[in-house]
Amino acid sequence: MSDPNRLLVVSHPVLASIGRDQIEHAIPASARAGGWDHMEISPVRAELGRLHELDWAAALAEQERLFAEQLRGEIAGRQRLAYFGFAPIPLAIHLGYRMTRSINVDVYQHNRFRFDWVWSSDDSAPAAPPLKLHLPEHGSRDEGPVVIRVSTSHRIPPAETAEVVASSVAEVDVMLAVPGEEALRTRSALTEVVAAFNEALSRVKSMFPRLTAIHLFAAVPVGLAFRLGAQINPTIYPEVITYQYWRKGTPRYRQAIVLAERCRAALSEPCLDPAASPGNDVVADAALEAVVKLYDAPSRLLDAASCRWEEEETSWFCAVLVRAYNSPSRAREILARSGIPIDSVYFEQPAWDIWKQALDVAARAGLTRQLARRARMDKLIAAYHLELDRIIEATHATEESTCQP
């Protein structure tokens, strides 16, 4: 077990390096008095302007591996942790989410004007703009997701979140009256935002008891993103879906990492195969049973003998597979595991063309359902499971319109 009196410093240099000398300069001598240890978590290297190209499923899987193999043991028994992050917001939220709630966490933020990580004192820094928390006036017993927008660096327009979450039971805003990239210059200003976010989580949970998911959009500094993630308790809240912003994209927010996924973290290959259960028994986990039923039900997409490219869901399905398996080697692997004849697919072409051809081959072979199930079982693309579920649900055929070859 680690020495509880030694400070653990976790750096997260995904977008840029963070020097040990920078860390030592930022942490007060009193906080370093008992000694300190440095752990670097770098699941991937990325460029700020190209985050729309990031393979979130692969980055998530690698960060989970680094946490399990390197960081979890270092945290055990520690009393204090300091976080320094140059990372995309979804990865920072996820790493904060994985921290134990028993450790005292302090975060440091890079000042882009001074080029250091030193916090300003409450006396020397200008007061942060007023913080506003906008909650719905009334709750309901309707079933559905809630949208939470946290805006401190930039204002998140509701119209931009509506592009990806068209329907929700409520929308919540935690925002500064005047957002700005350097608006949170003191620890106390950041702590105030964390407290408001905690209140928002607690209130939506009590106001909407049939809450199914939280869509979290955050325009915040990296350190604050880490602290937001640390507030999400998987035993209390449903899945939390995070997003990455891309200014040139349509929509501008793209789904990235899903936290607190119900039944997905433990999902393994036999789970979606009822025949694999001893005695072919009903799956005991109700949530998992619902997933099995979802992928077993009649579907215009999964039962068709040829791809219906005129239908929106077919293109949507293809687009998800392109993002989830965006290299020829990854596409080849999942297709082979699904029993699809890979000799009929030409892999020396763009990812979209690979998958368009692969889906045509799968449909003719009657293996589209098998492909969907295999993708849904793949933990490495957990970030895309929710989207896959929505596609399959949208293509369920009614008794009157059961898909015919």
Protein backbone atom coordinates (compact mmCIF):
# COMPACT_ATOMS: atom_id res chain seq x y z
CA MET A 1 0.00 0.00 0.00
CA SER A 2 1.22 3.50 -0.83
CA ASP A 3 2.33 5.92 1.87
CA PRO A 4 -0.86 7.85 2.73
CA ASN A 5 1.18 10.95 3.62
CA ARG A 6 2.72 11.30 0.17
CA LEU A 7 0.89 13.36 -2.41
CA LEU A 8 0.01 11.53 -5.63
CA VAL A 9 0.27 13.74 -8.70
CA VAL A 10 -1.57 12.49 -11.79
CA SER A 11 -0.77 14.17 -15.09
CA HIS A 12 -2.89 13.63 -18.19
CA PRO A 13 -0.78 14.79 -21.19
CA VAL A 14 -2.97 13.82 -24.13
CA LEU A 15 -2.77 17.11 -26.04
CA ALA A 16 0.57 18.45 -24.74
CA SER A 17 3.36 17.46 -22.38
CA ILE A 18 3.40 18.52 -18.72
CA GLY A 19 6.86 18.87 -17.21
CA ARG A 20 7.76 17.77 -13.71
CA ASP A 21 9.27 21.21 -13.11
CA GLN A 22 5.92 22.82 -14.03
CA ILE A 23 4.15 20.56 -11.55
CA GLU A 24 6.59 21.33 -8.75
CA HIS A 25 6.32 25.06 -9.41
CA ALA A 26 2.52 24.95 -9.17
CA ILE A 27 2.10 22.88 -6.02
CA PRO A 28 2.69 24.86 -2.81
CA ALA A 29 5.65 23.70 -0.74
CA SER A 30 3.33 22.87 2.14
CA ALA A 31 1.46 20.38 -0.06
CA ARG A 32 4.73 18.74 -1.08
CA ALA A 33 6.17 18.60 2.42
CA GLY A 34 5.48 14.90 2.92
CA GLY A 35 6.91 13.99 -0.49
CA TRP A 36 5.12 13.35 -3.76
CA ASP A 37 4.90 10.72 -6.48
CA HIS A 38 4.12 11.33 -10.13
CA MET A 39 1.97 9.08 -12.32
CA GLU A 40 1.44 9.92 -15.99
CA ILE A 41 -1.70 8.63 -17.73
CA SER A 42 -1.47 9.03 -21.48
CA PRO A 43 -3.90 6.71 -23.28
CA VAL A 44 -3.39 8.45 -26.62
CA ARG A 45 -1.66 11.45 -28.18
CA ALA A 46 -3.94 13.82 -30.06
CA GLU A 47 -4.07 17.26 -31.61
CA LEU A 48 -6.63 19.80 -30.45
CA GLY A 49 -7.88 20.57 -33.95
CA ARG A 50 -8.30 16.91 -34.88
CA LEU A 51 -10.27 15.52 -31.97
CA HIS A 52 -13.16 14.74 -34.32
CA GLU A 53 -10.91 12.00 -35.73
CA LEU A 54 -10.19 10.43 -32.34
CA ASP A 55 -11.22 6.81 -31.87
CA TRP A 56 -13.05 7.26 -28.56
CA ALA A 57 -13.65 3.56 -28.02
CA ALA A 58 -9.94 2.76 -28.36
CA ALA A 59 -8.93 5.74 -26.19
CA LEU A 60 -11.43 4.71 -23.51
CA ALA A 61 -10.22 1.11 -23.53
CA GLU A 62 -6.59 2.20 -23.18
CA GLN A 63 -7.37 4.65 -20.38
CA GLU A 64 -9.29 1.93 -18.55
CA ARG A 65 -6.28 -0.37 -18.94
CA LEU A 66 -3.85 2.26 -17.63
CA PHE A 67 -6.12 2.99 -14.70
CA ALA A 68 -6.47 -0.68 -13.78
CA GLU A 69 -2.81 -1.60 -14.24
CA GLN A 70 -1.04 1.53 -13.00
CA LEU A 71 -3.22 4.04 -11.18
CA ARG A 72 -5.67 2.00 -9.11
CA GLY A 73 -2.88 0.54 -6.95
CA GLU A 74 -1.25 3.93 -6.48
CA ILE A 75 -4.50 5.48 -5.26
CA ALA A 76 -5.10 2.79 -2.63
CA GLY A 77 -4.45 4.21 0.82
CA ARG A 78 -3.65 7.73 -0.41
CA GLN A 79 -5.22 10.72 1.24
CA ARG A 80 -4.44 13.38 -1.38
CA LEU A 81 -4.29 13.58 -5.17
CA ALA A 82 -3.40 16.47 -7.49
CA TYR A 83 -4.47 16.46 -11.15
CA PHE A 84 -2.81 18.25 -14.07
CA GLY A 85 -4.55 17.76 -17.41
CA PHE A 86 -3.98 18.61 -21.05
CA ALA A 87 -6.71 16.29 -22.30
CA PRO A 88 -10.00 16.25 -24.22
CA ILE A 89 -12.96 16.96 -21.95
CA PRO A 90 -14.53 13.45 -22.26
CA LEU A 91 -11.27 11.74 -21.25
CA ALA A 92 -10.80 14.13 -18.31
CA ILE A 93 -14.38 13.50 -17.15
CA HIS A 94 -13.85 9.74 -17.43
CA LEU A 95 -10.59 9.76 -15.45
CA GLY A 96 -12.22 11.81 -12.70
CA TYR A 97 -15.15 9.41 -12.70
CA ARG A 98 -12.78 6.49 -12.07
CA MET A 99 -11.30 8.06 -8.94
CA THR A 100 -12.28 6.75 -5.54
CA ARG A 101 -14.61 9.08 -3.65
CA SER A 102 -12.50 8.72 -0.47
CA ILE A 103 -9.44 10.60 -1.73
CA ASN A 104 -9.07 14.39 -1.39
CA VAL A 105 -8.66 15.74 -4.94
CA ASP A 106 -7.07 19.03 -5.93
CA VAL A 107 -6.88 20.12 -9.55
CA TYR A 108 -4.58 22.55 -11.30
CA GLN A 109 -5.39 24.42 -14.49
CA HIS A 110 -3.04 25.79 -17.09
CA ASN A 111 -3.03 29.57 -17.40
CA ARG A 112 -2.66 30.33 -21.09
CA PHE A 113 -1.45 33.87 -20.43
CA ARG A 114 1.20 33.10 -17.80
CA PHE A 115 2.00 29.64 -19.23
CA ASP A 116 1.99 28.07 -15.79
CA TRP A 117 -0.32 26.05 -13.52
CA VAL A 118 -0.29 28.29 -10.44
CA TRP A 119 -3.67 29.22 -8.98
CA SER A 120 -4.34 32.89 -8.32
CA SER A 121 -5.24 33.77 -4.76
CA ASP A 122 -8.78 34.84 -3.96
CA ASP A 123 -7.50 38.26 -2.93
CA SER A 124 -5.46 38.97 -6.07
CA ALA A 125 -7.78 37.62 -8.77
CA PRO A 126 -10.86 39.39 -10.09
CA ALA A 127 -14.10 37.88 -8.88
CA ALA A 128 -15.54 35.23 -11.21
CA PRO A 129 -18.74 36.21 -13.05
CA PRO A 130 -21.95 35.24 -11.22
CA LEU A 131 -22.86 31.56 -11.45
CA LYS A 132 -26.35 30.64 -12.60
CA LEU A 133 -28.14 27.33 -12.11
CA HIS A 134 -31.25 26.93 -14.29
CA LEU A 135 -33.40 23.98 -13.24
CA PRO A 136 -36.91 23.03 -14.44
CA GLU A 137 -39.68 24.39 -12.28
CA HIS A 138 -41.50 21.06 -12.04
CA GLY A 139 -40.53 17.42 -12.15
CA SER A 140 -42.43 14.56 -13.73
CA ARG A 141 -42.71 10.79 -13.82
CA ASP A 142 -42.11 10.70 -17.56
CA GLU A 143 -39.38 8.34 -18.66
CA GLY A 144 -36.51 9.83 -20.60
CA PRO A 145 -33.08 11.53 -20.53
CA VAL A 146 -32.03 14.87 -19.10
CA VAL A 147 -29.63 17.31 -20.76
CA ILE A 148 -27.12 19.11 -18.51
CA ARG A 149 -25.02 21.90 -20.00
CA VAL A 150 -22.04 23.26 -18.02
CA SER A 151 -20.80 26.50 -19.56
CA THR A 152 -17.83 28.31 -18.02
CA SER A 153 -15.38 28.69 -20.93
CA HIS A 154 -18.02 29.26 -23.61
CA ARG A 155 -21.80 29.41 -23.73
CA ILE A 156 -23.37 26.19 -25.00
CA PRO A 157 -26.43 27.11 -27.09
CA PRO A 158 -29.45 24.85 -26.46
CA ALA A 159 -29.92 24.61 -30.23
CA GLU A 160 -26.57 22.82 -30.57
CA THR A 161 -27.43 20.19 -27.96
CA ALA A 162 -30.88 19.72 -29.50
CA GLU A 163 -29.15 18.62 -32.70
CA VAL A 164 -27.99 15.44 -30.94
CA VAL A 165 -30.62 15.04 -28.19
CA ALA A 166 -33.86 15.90 -29.91
CA SER A 167 -36.12 14.93 -26.99
CA SER A 168 -35.57 15.03 -23.23
CA VAL A 169 -37.68 15.34 -20.09
CA ALA A 170 -35.69 18.38 -18.94
CA GLU A 171 -32.74 20.66 -19.69
CA VAL A 172 -30.46 22.09 -17.01
CA ASP A 173 -27.83 24.84 -17.29
CA VAL A 174 -24.91 25.40 -14.94
CA MET A 175 -23.30 28.51 -16.38
CA LEU A 176 -21.35 31.66 -15.69
CA ALA A 177 -23.16 34.87 -16.53
CA VAL A 178 -20.17 35.79 -18.70
CA PRO A 179 -18.24 32.65 -19.71
CA GLY A 180 -14.57 32.93 -20.60
CA GLU A 181 -11.57 30.64 -20.97
CA GLU A 182 -9.86 32.27 -17.96
CA ALA A 183 -13.03 33.05 -16.00
CA LEU A 184 -12.22 30.52 -13.27
CA ARG A 185 -8.93 31.81 -11.90
CA THR A 186 -9.22 30.57 -8.31
CA ARG A 187 -9.89 27.27 -6.60
CA SER A 188 -12.92 28.72 -4.85
CA ALA A 189 -14.49 29.77 -8.17
CA LEU A 190 -14.04 26.26 -9.55
CA THR A 191 -15.38 24.69 -6.35
CA GLU A 192 -18.53 26.81 -6.66
CA VAL A 193 -19.22 25.36 -10.11
CA VAL A 194 -18.65 21.82 -8.81
CA ALA A 195 -21.15 22.45 -6.00
CA ALA A 196 -23.74 23.72 -8.50
CA PHE A 197 -23.20 20.68 -10.72
CA ASN A 198 -23.68 18.42 -7.71
CA GLU A 199 -26.92 20.17 -6.91
CA ALA A 200 -28.07 19.79 -10.51
CA LEU A 201 -27.38 16.04 -10.42
CA SER A 202 -29.18 15.59 -7.13
CA ARG A 203 -32.21 17.66 -8.17
CA VAL A 204 -32.79 15.95 -11.52
CA LYS A 205 -32.49 12.56 -9.85
CA SER A 206 -35.24 13.46 -7.35
CA MET A 207 -37.42 15.43 -9.78
CA PHE A 208 -37.34 12.79 -12.51
CA PRO A 209 -37.40 9.36 -10.81
CA ARG A 210 -37.70 7.60 -14.19
CA LEU A 211 -34.57 9.28 -15.53
CA THR A 212 -32.94 7.03 -18.15
CA ALA A 213 -29.71 8.90 -18.97
CA ILE A 214 -27.85 12.17 -18.51
CA HIS A 215 -26.44 13.88 -21.58
CA LEU A 216 -23.55 15.99 -20.29
CA PHE A 217 -22.26 18.84 -22.46
CA ALA A 218 -19.32 20.69 -20.93
CA ALA A 219 -17.49 23.78 -22.17
CA VAL A 220 -15.08 23.93 -19.23
CA PRO A 221 -11.37 23.84 -18.36
CA VAL A 222 -9.81 20.39 -18.16
CA GLY A 223 -9.37 20.49 -14.39
CA LEU A 224 -13.03 21.26 -13.89
CA ALA A 225 -13.97 18.43 -16.27
CA PHE A 226 -11.99 16.05 -14.04
CA ARG A 227 -13.84 17.32 -10.97
CA LEU A 228 -17.22 16.96 -12.70
CA GLY A 229 -16.46 13.33 -13.48
CA ALA A 230 -15.56 12.68 -9.85
CA GLN A 231 -19.07 13.76 -8.80
CA ILE A 232 -20.82 11.06 -10.84
CA ASN A 233 -21.62 8.08 -8.63
CA PRO A 234 -22.45 5.01 -10.77
CA THR A 235 -24.56 3.49 -8.00
CA ILE A 236 -26.87 6.53 -7.94
CA TYR A 237 -27.08 7.90 -11.48
CA PRO A 238 -27.93 6.26 -14.79
CA GLU A 239 -25.52 6.33 -17.68
CA VAL A 240 -23.90 9.68 -18.39
CA ILE A 241 -23.10 10.41 -22.03
CA THR A 242 -20.27 12.86 -22.74
CA TYR A 243 -19.63 14.80 -25.93
CA GLN A 244 -16.74 16.35 -27.83
CA TYR A 245 -17.18 19.71 -29.55
CA TRP A 246 -16.11 20.25 -33.16
CA ARG A 247 -16.67 23.76 -34.47
CA LYS A 248 -16.75 22.73 -38.14
CA GLY A 249 -19.00 19.72 -37.62
CA THR A 250 -22.71 19.22 -38.19
CA PRO A 251 -23.79 18.60 -35.52
CA ARG A 252 -21.08 20.37 -33.55
CA TYR A 253 -21.25 17.96 -30.62
CA ARG A 254 -20.38 14.30 -31.16
CA GLN A 255 -20.93 11.50 -28.66
CA ALA A 256 -17.65 10.42 -27.08
CA ILE A 257 -17.57 8.36 -23.85
CA VAL A 258 -20.46 6.86 -21.87
CA LEU A 259 -20.09 6.61 -18.08
CA ALA A 260 -21.99 4.42 -15.63
CA GLU A 261 -23.32 2.24 -18.43
CA ARG A 262 -25.95 -0.12 -17.13
CA CYS A 263 -25.07 -3.73 -18.02
CA ARG A 264 -22.55 -2.73 -20.70
CA ALA A 265 -19.41 -2.81 -18.56
CA ALA A 266 -20.00 -6.48 -17.76
CA LEU A 267 -21.24 -7.39 -21.21
CA SER A 268 -19.42 -10.35 -22.70
CA GLU A 269 -19.95 -12.51 -25.73
CA PRO A 270 -22.21 -15.18 -24.15
CA CYS A 271 -24.47 -12.47 -22.68
CA LEU A 272 -26.10 -11.77 -26.03
CA ASP A 273 -26.42 -15.42 -26.93
CA PRO A 274 -29.35 -16.99 -25.07
CA ALA A 275 -28.38 -20.42 -26.42
CA ALA A 276 -25.13 -20.15 -24.50
CA SER A 277 -26.89 -19.90 -21.14
CA PRO A 278 -26.99 -23.17 -19.17
CA GLY A 279 -30.28 -24.86 -19.93
CA ASN A 280 -31.16 -21.96 -22.20
CA ASP A 281 -32.51 -20.14 -19.15
CA VAL A 282 -33.86 -16.60 -19.19
CA VAL A 283 -31.10 -14.05 -18.53
CA ALA A 284 -31.27 -13.04 -14.88
CA ASP A 285 -30.25 -9.40 -15.33
CA ALA A 286 -33.36 -7.47 -16.40
CA ALA A 287 -31.34 -4.79 -18.21
CA LEU A 288 -29.32 -7.41 -20.03
CA GLU A 289 -32.45 -9.35 -20.89
CA ALA A 290 -33.82 -6.18 -22.51
CA VAL A 291 -30.68 -5.91 -24.65
CA VAL A 292 -31.01 -9.54 -25.74
CA LYS A 293 -34.64 -8.99 -26.71
CA LEU A 294 -33.72 -5.83 -28.59
CA TYR A 295 -31.26 -7.66 -30.84
CA ASP A 296 -33.51 -10.73 -31.24
CA ALA A 297 -36.66 -8.88 -32.31
CA PRO A 298 -37.77 -8.68 -35.97
CA SER A 299 -36.09 -5.76 -37.70
CA ARG A 300 -36.22 -4.14 -41.12
CA LEU A 301 -32.45 -3.76 -40.95
CA LEU A 302 -31.37 -7.07 -39.44
CA ASP A 303 -33.73 -9.32 -41.43
CA ALA A 304 -33.40 -7.81 -44.89
CA ALA A 305 -31.78 -9.89 -47.64
CA SER A 306 -30.42 -6.71 -49.21
CA CYS A 307 -29.48 -3.35 -47.75
CA ARG A 308 -32.21 -0.75 -47.82
CA TRP A 309 -29.99 2.26 -48.45
CA GLU A 310 -33.03 4.43 -49.05
CA GLU A 311 -33.83 4.09 -45.32
CA GLU A 312 -32.14 6.50 -42.91
CA GLU A 313 -31.37 3.79 -40.35
CA THR A 314 -29.24 1.82 -42.80
CA SER A 315 -26.97 4.79 -43.45
CA TRP A 316 -26.94 5.57 -39.73
CA PHE A 317 -25.87 1.99 -38.96
CA CYS A 318 -23.12 2.22 -41.58
CA ALA A 319 -21.91 5.56 -40.20
CA VAL A 320 -21.59 4.16 -36.67
CA LEU A 321 -19.59 1.18 -37.91
CA VAL A 322 -17.33 3.51 -39.88
CA ARG A 323 -16.56 5.49 -36.72
CA ALA A 324 -16.27 2.44 -34.46
CA TYR A 325 -14.09 0.38 -36.83
CA ASN A 326 -12.32 3.07 -38.82
CA SER A 327 -9.35 1.11 -40.16
CA PRO A 328 -9.24 -1.84 -42.60
CA SER A 329 -7.71 -4.11 -39.95
CA ARG A 330 -10.41 -3.38 -37.38
CA ALA A 331 -13.17 -3.76 -39.96
CA ARG A 332 -11.70 -7.05 -41.16
CA GLU A 333 -11.52 -8.38 -37.59
CA ILE A 334 -15.16 -7.71 -36.64
CA LEU A 335 -16.42 -8.96 -39.99
CA ALA A 336 -14.46 -12.20 -39.62
CA ARG A 337 -15.77 -12.66 -36.07
CA SER A 338 -19.29 -12.22 -37.42
CA GLY A 339 -18.81 -14.99 -40.00
CA ILE A 340 -19.05 -12.59 -42.94
CA PRO A 341 -16.96 -13.71 -45.94
CA ILE A 342 -14.16 -11.13 -45.93
CA ASP A 343 -12.90 -12.32 -49.32
CA SER A 344 -15.95 -10.57 -50.77
CA VAL A 345 -14.92 -7.20 -49.30
CA TYR A 346 -12.27 -4.96 -50.85
CA PHE A 347 -10.34 -3.36 -47.98
CA GLU A 348 -8.10 -1.04 -50.03
CA GLN A 349 -10.72 1.72 -50.17
CA PRO A 350 -12.06 4.44 -47.82
CA ALA A 351 -13.73 3.29 -44.60
CA TRP A 352 -17.22 4.30 -45.74
CA ASP A 353 -16.88 2.27 -48.95
CA ILE A 354 -15.52 -0.72 -47.02
CA TRP A 355 -18.53 -0.75 -44.73
CA LYS A 356 -21.06 -0.07 -47.45
CA GLN A 357 -19.78 -3.08 -49.35
CA ALA A 358 -19.50 -5.16 -46.16
CA LEU A 359 -23.12 -4.48 -45.22
CA ASP A 360 -24.29 -5.51 -48.68
CA VAL A 361 -22.33 -8.76 -48.30
CA ALA A 362 -23.69 -9.32 -44.77
CA ALA A 363 -27.30 -8.80 -45.90
CA ARG A 364 -26.97 -11.27 -48.79
CA ALA A 365 -25.44 -13.83 -46.42
CA GLY A 366 -28.14 -13.27 -43.79
CA LEU A 367 -25.53 -12.16 -41.25
CA THR A 368 -26.49 -8.55 -40.50
CA ARG A 369 -28.00 -9.55 -37.16
CA GLN A 370 -24.86 -11.48 -36.24
CA LEU A 371 -22.74 -8.43 -37.09
CA ALA A 372 -24.91 -6.13 -34.99
CA ARG A 373 -24.78 -8.50 -32.04
CA ARG A 374 -20.99 -8.89 -32.28
CA ALA A 375 -20.54 -5.12 -32.40
CA ARG A 376 -22.84 -4.74 -29.39
CA MET A 377 -20.73 -7.28 -27.50
CA ASP A 378 -17.46 -5.52 -28.30
CA LYS A 379 -16.27 -3.71 -25.16
CA LEU A 380 -13.72 -1.77 -27.19
CA ILE A 381 -16.52 0.19 -28.87
CA ALA A 382 -18.60 0.72 -25.72
CA ALA A 383 -18.86 4.42 -26.58
CA TYR A 384 -21.04 3.46 -29.57
CA HIS A 385 -23.33 0.91 -27.90
CA LEU A 386 -26.07 3.37 -27.03
CA GLU A 387 -26.21 4.59 -30.62
CA LEU A 388 -26.37 1.01 -31.90
CA ASP A 389 -29.25 0.28 -29.52
CA ARG A 390 -31.17 3.27 -30.83
CA ILE A 391 -30.67 2.21 -34.44
CA ILE A 392 -31.85 -1.34 -33.82
CA GLU A 393 -34.84 -0.12 -31.83
CA ALA A 394 -35.77 2.25 -34.67
CA THR A 395 -35.75 -0.60 -37.20
CA HIS A 396 -37.99 -2.99 -35.28
CA ALA A 397 -40.69 -4.28 -37.57
CA THR A 398 -44.33 -4.43 -36.53
CA GLU A 399 -46.46 -7.50 -37.16
CA GLU A 400 -48.05 -5.72 -40.11
CA SER A 401 -44.76 -4.66 -41.70
CA THR A 402 -42.39 -7.50 -40.93
CA CYS A 403 -39.38 -7.19 -43.21
CA GLN A 404 -39.52 -9.44 -46.25
CA PRO A 405 -36.50 -10.41 -48.32
